[in-house]
N, C-alpha and C. Protein backbone atom coordinates (compact mmCIF):
# COMPACT_ATOMS: atom_id res chain seq x y z
N MET A 1 13.79 50.84 15.00
CA MET A 1 12.25 50.81 14.34
C MET A 1 12.14 49.55 14.51
N LYS A 2 13.13 48.49 13.95
CA LYS A 2 12.82 47.09 13.74
C LYS A 2 12.41 46.10 15.27
N LYS A 3 12.38 46.91 16.41
CA LYS A 3 12.33 46.09 17.17
C LYS A 3 10.83 46.96 17.81
N THR A 4 10.62 47.73 17.52
CA THR A 4 9.13 48.31 17.72
C THR A 4 7.95 47.71 16.51
N ILE A 5 8.52 47.51 15.49
CA ILE A 5 7.57 46.84 14.50
C ILE A 5 7.26 45.49 15.30
N ALA A 6 8.46 44.87 15.15
CA ALA A 6 8.30 43.31 15.94
C ALA A 6 7.39 43.23 17.29
N THR A 7 7.59 44.10 17.95
CA THR A 7 6.88 44.18 19.28
C THR A 7 5.24 44.52 18.92
N LEU A 8 5.17 45.35 18.15
CA LEU A 8 3.56 45.54 17.79
C LEU A 8 3.23 44.45 16.85
N ILE A 9 3.80 43.60 16.44
CA ILE A 9 3.26 42.47 15.16
C ILE A 9 3.16 41.21 16.66
N ALA A 10 3.95 41.33 17.67
CA ALA A 10 3.88 40.43 18.39
C ALA A 10 2.49 40.28 19.32
N GLY A 11 2.60 41.99 19.23
CA GLY A 11 0.99 42.44 20.44
C GLY A 11 0.32 41.90 19.75
N LEU A 12 -0.08 42.41 18.44
CA LEU A 12 -0.81 41.90 17.71
C LEU A 12 -1.60 40.36 17.43
N PHE A 13 -0.42 39.55 17.48
CA PHE A 13 -0.77 38.20 17.82
C PHE A 13 -1.31 37.52 19.29
N ALA A 14 -0.93 38.35 19.86
CA ALA A 14 -1.19 37.93 21.18
C ALA A 14 -2.15 38.80 21.68
N THR A 15 -3.32 39.66 21.17
CA THR A 15 -4.40 39.95 21.40
C THR A 15 -5.12 39.23 20.49
N ALA A 16 -4.67 38.83 19.19
CA ALA A 16 -5.84 37.77 18.31
C ALA A 16 -6.10 36.61 18.85
N ALA A 17 -4.80 36.21 19.57
CA ALA A 17 -5.50 34.82 19.90
C ALA A 17 -6.47 35.02 21.51
N PHE A 18 -6.18 36.34 22.42
CA PHE A 18 -7.31 35.97 23.58
C PHE A 18 -8.29 36.66 22.91
N ALA A 19 -8.38 37.20 21.55
CA ALA A 19 -9.74 37.57 21.21
C ALA A 19 -10.75 36.68 20.99
N GLN A 20 -10.14 35.71 20.55
CA GLN A 20 -11.19 34.58 20.15
C GLN A 20 -12.14 34.30 21.32
N ALA A 21 -13.32 33.83 20.69
CA ALA A 21 -14.40 33.40 21.36
C ALA A 21 -14.04 32.30 22.85
N PRO A 22 -14.61 32.88 23.55
CA PRO A 22 -14.25 32.06 24.79
C PRO A 22 -14.99 30.11 24.44
N THR A 23 -14.09 29.13 24.89
CA THR A 23 -14.65 27.87 24.60
C THR A 23 -16.06 28.05 25.47
N PRO A 24 -16.90 27.37 25.17
CA PRO A 24 -18.11 26.80 25.81
C PRO A 24 -17.85 26.17 27.11
N ALA A 25 -18.52 26.67 28.45
CA ALA A 25 -18.31 25.86 29.24
C ALA A 25 -18.61 24.42 29.44
N ALA A 26 -18.17 23.63 30.19
CA ALA A 26 -18.23 22.52 30.31
C ALA A 26 -20.17 21.82 30.77
N THR A 27 -20.81 21.00 30.02
CA THR A 27 -22.08 21.07 30.05
C THR A 27 -22.15 20.96 31.66
N THR A 28 -23.36 21.25 31.79
CA THR A 28 -23.47 20.80 33.70
C THR A 28 -24.22 19.60 33.99
N PRO A 29 -23.85 19.12 34.96
CA PRO A 29 -23.91 17.75 35.13
C PRO A 29 -25.45 17.45 34.95
N ALA A 30 -26.48 18.12 35.06
CA ALA A 30 -28.02 17.57 34.91
C ALA A 30 -27.96 17.58 33.11
N ALA A 31 -27.36 18.58 32.42
CA ALA A 31 -27.37 18.09 30.90
C ALA A 31 -26.54 17.17 30.72
N ALA A 32 -25.42 16.66 31.25
CA ALA A 32 -25.09 15.48 30.86
C ALA A 32 -25.85 14.15 31.17
N LYS A 33 -26.25 14.18 32.32
CA LYS A 33 -27.42 13.35 32.67
C LYS A 33 -28.13 13.22 31.54
N VAL A 34 -29.35 14.03 31.18
CA VAL A 34 -29.93 13.96 30.02
C VAL A 34 -29.43 13.41 28.83
N GLU A 35 -28.38 13.88 28.34
CA GLU A 35 -27.48 13.34 27.21
C GLU A 35 -27.38 11.84 27.37
N ALA A 36 -26.42 11.49 28.58
CA ALA A 36 -26.32 9.94 28.96
C ALA A 36 -27.80 9.39 28.80
N LYS A 37 -28.66 9.61 29.22
CA LYS A 37 -30.02 8.91 29.03
C LYS A 37 -30.51 8.92 27.44
N VAL A 38 -29.81 9.76 26.69
CA VAL A 38 -30.80 9.87 25.28
C VAL A 38 -29.78 8.66 24.44
N GLU A 39 -28.57 9.09 24.89
CA GLU A 39 -27.57 7.77 24.29
C GLU A 39 -27.95 6.41 24.73
N ALA A 40 -28.42 6.39 26.26
CA ALA A 40 -28.64 4.91 26.60
C ALA A 40 -30.03 4.54 25.71
N LYS A 41 -31.01 5.43 25.71
CA LYS A 41 -32.12 5.12 25.17
C LYS A 41 -31.78 4.58 23.67
N GLN A 42 -31.15 5.59 23.06
CA GLN A 42 -30.81 5.24 21.49
C GLN A 42 -29.83 4.06 21.11
N GLU A 43 -29.02 3.54 22.14
CA GLU A 43 -28.35 2.58 21.90
C GLU A 43 -29.36 1.24 22.22
N LYS A 44 -30.16 1.11 23.13
CA LYS A 44 -31.23 0.43 23.76
C LYS A 44 -32.03 -0.06 22.35
N GLN A 45 -32.72 1.21 21.88
CA GLN A 45 -33.52 1.16 20.32
C GLN A 45 -32.56 0.18 19.64
N ALA A 46 -31.60 0.39 19.19
CA ALA A 46 -30.62 0.16 18.36
C ALA A 46 -30.55 -1.57 18.30
N ALA A 47 -29.81 -1.72 19.96
CA ALA A 47 -29.80 -3.12 20.24
C ALA A 47 -31.15 -4.00 19.95
N LYS A 48 -32.59 -3.43 20.30
CA LYS A 48 -33.61 -4.16 20.00
C LYS A 48 -33.96 -4.44 18.46
N ALA A 49 -33.76 -3.28 17.89
CA ALA A 49 -33.74 -3.59 16.22
C ALA A 49 -32.68 -4.46 15.75
N ASP A 50 -31.53 -4.57 16.10
CA ASP A 50 -30.55 -5.63 15.98
C ASP A 50 -31.22 -6.94 16.44
N VAL A 51 -31.51 -7.08 17.57
CA VAL A 51 -32.35 -8.39 17.98
C VAL A 51 -33.57 -8.70 17.37
N LYS A 52 -34.22 -7.67 16.62
CA LYS A 52 -35.45 -7.98 15.80
C LYS A 52 -35.26 -8.33 14.32
N GLU A 53 -33.95 -7.87 13.80
CA GLU A 53 -33.46 -8.23 12.56
C GLU A 53 -33.08 -9.69 12.49
N THR A 54 -32.12 -10.10 13.93
CA THR A 54 -31.26 -11.29 14.08
C THR A 54 -32.24 -12.40 13.85
N LYS A 55 -33.47 -11.95 14.48
CA LYS A 55 -34.62 -13.04 14.87
C LYS A 55 -35.22 -13.60 13.21
N ALA A 56 -35.59 -12.11 12.79
CA ALA A 56 -35.85 -12.15 11.26
C ALA A 56 -35.18 -12.94 10.62
N ALA A 57 -33.64 -12.82 10.43
CA ALA A 57 -33.06 -13.81 10.08
C ALA A 57 -32.91 -15.25 10.12
N ALA A 58 -33.16 -15.55 11.54
CA ALA A 58 -33.25 -16.89 11.88
C ALA A 58 -34.33 -17.39 11.74
N LYS A 59 -35.60 -16.68 11.69
CA LYS A 59 -36.84 -17.59 11.33
C LYS A 59 -36.54 -17.81 9.60
N ALA A 60 -36.11 -16.88 8.97
CA ALA A 60 -35.68 -17.24 7.51
C ALA A 60 -35.14 -18.11 7.18
N ASP A 61 -34.24 -18.50 7.93
CA ASP A 61 -33.35 -19.48 7.85
C ASP A 61 -33.84 -21.09 8.09
N VAL A 62 -34.56 -20.93 9.38
CA VAL A 62 -34.94 -22.09 9.72
C VAL A 62 -36.49 -22.77 8.93
N LYS A 63 -37.05 -21.26 8.01
CA LYS A 63 -37.92 -21.76 7.33
C LYS A 63 -37.24 -22.37 5.82
N GLU A 64 -36.14 -22.10 5.22
CA GLU A 64 -35.30 -22.31 4.53
C GLU A 64 -35.19 -23.72 4.64
N ALA A 65 -34.25 -23.90 6.06
CA ALA A 65 -34.05 -25.60 6.09
C ALA A 65 -35.17 -26.60 6.01
N LYS A 66 -36.22 -26.12 6.57
CA LYS A 66 -37.62 -26.64 6.53
C LYS A 66 -38.03 -27.01 5.22
N GLN A 67 -37.56 -26.13 4.56
CA GLN A 67 -38.34 -26.50 2.76
C GLN A 67 -37.46 -27.34 2.45
N ALA A 68 -35.96 -27.20 2.60
CA ALA A 68 -35.11 -28.13 1.90
C ALA A 68 -35.15 -29.27 2.31
N ALA A 69 -35.43 -29.55 3.77
CA ALA A 69 -35.62 -30.97 4.29
C ALA A 69 -36.73 -31.34 3.70
N LYS A 70 -37.82 -30.85 3.43
CA LYS A 70 -39.19 -31.70 2.79
C LYS A 70 -38.67 -31.66 1.62
N ALA A 71 -38.37 -30.70 0.69
CA ALA A 71 -37.85 -31.31 -0.44
C ALA A 71 -36.89 -32.58 -0.73
N ASP A 72 -35.73 -32.91 0.32
CA ASP A 72 -35.27 -34.00 0.27
C ASP A 72 -35.84 -35.26 0.48
N VAL A 73 -36.92 -35.00 1.43
CA VAL A 73 -37.64 -36.01 1.78
C VAL A 73 -38.49 -36.56 0.53
N LYS A 74 -39.16 -35.54 -0.10
CA LYS A 74 -39.74 -35.71 -1.31
C LYS A 74 -39.11 -36.45 -2.45
N GLU A 75 -37.58 -36.28 -2.53
CA GLU A 75 -36.83 -36.80 -3.44
C GLU A 75 -36.60 -38.20 -3.10
N ALA A 76 -36.33 -38.24 -1.79
CA ALA A 76 -35.81 -39.67 -1.19
C ALA A 76 -37.36 -40.29 -1.59
N LYS A 77 -38.28 -40.06 -1.06
CA LYS A 77 -39.73 -40.62 -1.59
C LYS A 77 -40.02 -41.46 -3.09
N HIS A 78 -39.54 -40.24 -3.55
CA HIS A 78 -39.66 -40.57 -5.13
C HIS A 78 -38.58 -41.46 -5.34
N ASP A 79 -37.58 -41.38 -5.23
CA ASP A 79 -36.07 -42.24 -5.71
C ASP A 79 -36.65 -43.68 -5.19
N ALA A 80 -37.29 -43.70 -3.84
CA ALA A 80 -37.51 -45.14 -3.46
C ALA A 80 -38.55 -45.76 -4.30
N LYS A 81 -39.76 -44.85 -4.99
CA LYS A 81 -40.82 -45.60 -5.46
C LYS A 81 -39.83 -46.11 -7.01
N GLU A 82 -39.25 -45.40 -7.43
CA GLU A 82 -38.24 -45.53 -8.82
C GLU A 82 -37.74 -46.56 -8.67
N ALA A 83 -37.08 -47.18 -7.53
CA ALA A 83 -36.11 -48.32 -7.37
C ALA A 83 -37.27 -49.32 -6.89
N LYS A 84 -38.30 -49.12 -6.02
CA LYS A 84 -39.10 -50.35 -6.05
C LYS A 84 -39.77 -50.82 -7.64
N ARG A 85 -40.14 -49.72 -8.44
CA ARG A 85 -40.83 -49.90 -9.80
C ARG A 85 -39.49 -50.88 -10.99
N GLU A 86 -38.12 -50.41 -10.40
CA GLU A 86 -37.48 -51.17 -11.13
C GLU A 86 -37.12 -52.41 -10.47
N ALA A 87 -37.19 -52.47 -9.51
CA ALA A 87 -37.18 -53.86 -8.65
C ALA A 87 -38.31 -54.91 -9.13
N LYS A 88 -39.40 -54.52 -9.80
CA LYS A 88 -40.34 -55.17 -9.97
C LYS A 88 -40.34 -55.60 -11.21
N ALA A 89 -39.66 -54.58 -12.00
CA ALA A 89 -39.71 -54.65 -13.37
C ALA A 89 -38.49 -55.89 -13.68
N GLU A 90 -37.53 -55.89 -12.98
CA GLU A 90 -36.41 -56.83 -13.03
C GLU A 90 -36.93 -58.36 -12.68
N VAL A 91 -37.46 -58.32 -11.37
CA VAL A 91 -38.26 -59.23 -10.97
C VAL A 91 -39.16 -59.96 -11.99
N LYS A 92 -39.89 -59.30 -12.61
CA LYS A 92 -41.09 -59.75 -13.90
C LYS A 92 -40.07 -60.19 -15.06
N GLU A 93 -39.10 -59.55 -15.16
CA GLU A 93 -38.12 -60.08 -16.40
C GLU A 93 -37.53 -61.45 -16.16
N ALA A 94 -36.94 -61.32 -14.91
CA ALA A 94 -36.35 -62.69 -14.16
C ALA A 94 -37.43 -63.99 -14.45
N LYS A 95 -38.61 -63.62 -14.44
CA LYS A 95 -39.58 -64.70 -14.32
C LYS A 95 -40.00 -64.84 -15.78
N ALA A 96 -40.08 -64.17 -16.25
CA ALA A 96 -40.39 -64.44 -17.86
C ALA A 96 -39.41 -65.00 -18.20
N ASP A 97 -37.69 -64.92 -18.13
CA ASP A 97 -36.69 -65.54 -18.42
C ASP A 97 -36.53 -66.93 -18.05
N ALA A 98 -37.13 -67.00 -16.67
CA ALA A 98 -36.96 -68.28 -16.12
C ALA A 98 -38.27 -68.97 -17.07
N LYS A 99 -39.53 -68.90 -16.96
CA LYS A 99 -40.35 -69.29 -17.94
C LYS A 99 -40.18 -69.65 -19.70
N GLN A 100 -39.48 -68.97 -20.12
CA GLN A 100 -38.76 -69.25 -21.56
C GLN A 100 -37.48 -70.00 -21.27
N ALA A 101 -36.98 -70.23 -20.40
CA ALA A 101 -35.81 -71.21 -20.23
C ALA A 101 -36.30 -72.32 -20.12
N LYS A 102 -37.43 -72.47 -19.24
CA LYS A 102 -37.93 -73.72 -18.65
C LYS A 102 -38.88 -74.22 -19.78
N ALA A 103 -39.33 -73.44 -20.66
CA ALA A 103 -40.29 -73.80 -21.74
C ALA A 103 -39.18 -74.36 -23.20
N GLU A 104 -37.85 -73.82 -23.06
CA GLU A 104 -36.83 -74.28 -23.88
C GLU A 104 -36.12 -75.48 -23.80
N HIS A 105 -36.29 -75.68 -22.29
CA HIS A 105 -35.58 -76.94 -21.76
C HIS A 105 -36.73 -78.32 -22.03
N LYS A 106 -37.92 -77.56 -21.73
CA LYS A 106 -38.90 -78.83 -21.92
C LYS A 106 -38.98 -79.28 -23.35
N ALA A 107 -38.59 -78.06 -24.45
CA ALA A 107 -38.87 -78.60 -25.73
C ALA A 107 -37.33 -79.53 -26.39
N THR A 108 -36.32 -78.99 -25.64
CA THR A 108 -35.13 -79.88 -25.57
C THR A 108 -35.30 -81.52 -25.04
N THR A 109 -36.09 -81.48 -24.15
CA THR A 109 -36.01 -83.10 -23.34
C THR A 109 -37.34 -83.82 -24.45
N VAL A 110 -38.35 -82.99 -24.89
CA VAL A 110 -39.11 -83.52 -25.47
C VAL A 110 -38.45 -83.97 -26.99
N ALA A 111 -37.86 -83.09 -27.19
CA ALA A 111 -37.25 -83.39 -28.62
C ALA A 111 -36.29 -84.38 -28.73
N ALA A 112 -35.53 -84.80 -27.60
CA ALA A 112 -34.78 -85.77 -27.36
C ALA A 112 -35.42 -86.88 -27.10
N ALA A 113 -36.37 -87.01 -26.29
CA ALA A 113 -37.07 -88.01 -25.89
C ALA A 113 -37.74 -88.63 -27.58
N THR A 114 -37.80 -88.12 -28.31
CA THR A 114 -39.19 -88.37 -29.55
C THR A 114 -37.83 -88.95 -30.52
N LYS A 115 -36.48 -88.75 -30.37
CA LYS A 115 -35.40 -89.30 -31.12
C LYS A 115 -35.00 -90.81 -31.02
């Protein structure tokens, strides 16, 4: 009896394995070509989108670099003007000091000459 039950169970498992839906047949060559074309088209579109995105990013980077360069030039010009102003002020101060020293020297020589 055990052998009979074992045989019946084995038979059930065997028929269950074969009773499953058959696997679909491989796609036909024409369908494979169509799928390949569709995939190639999608890849091409993705590549174009990537190129567009890269170009946009590059343009933004260039624009940023230009703005930074302009800001640097503007700052350098401002610094140069400030340095020129400071130099003029120093020259003016030096001239005033020289004039004052000359006046003091003259006053001391006149005072010494009158004694």
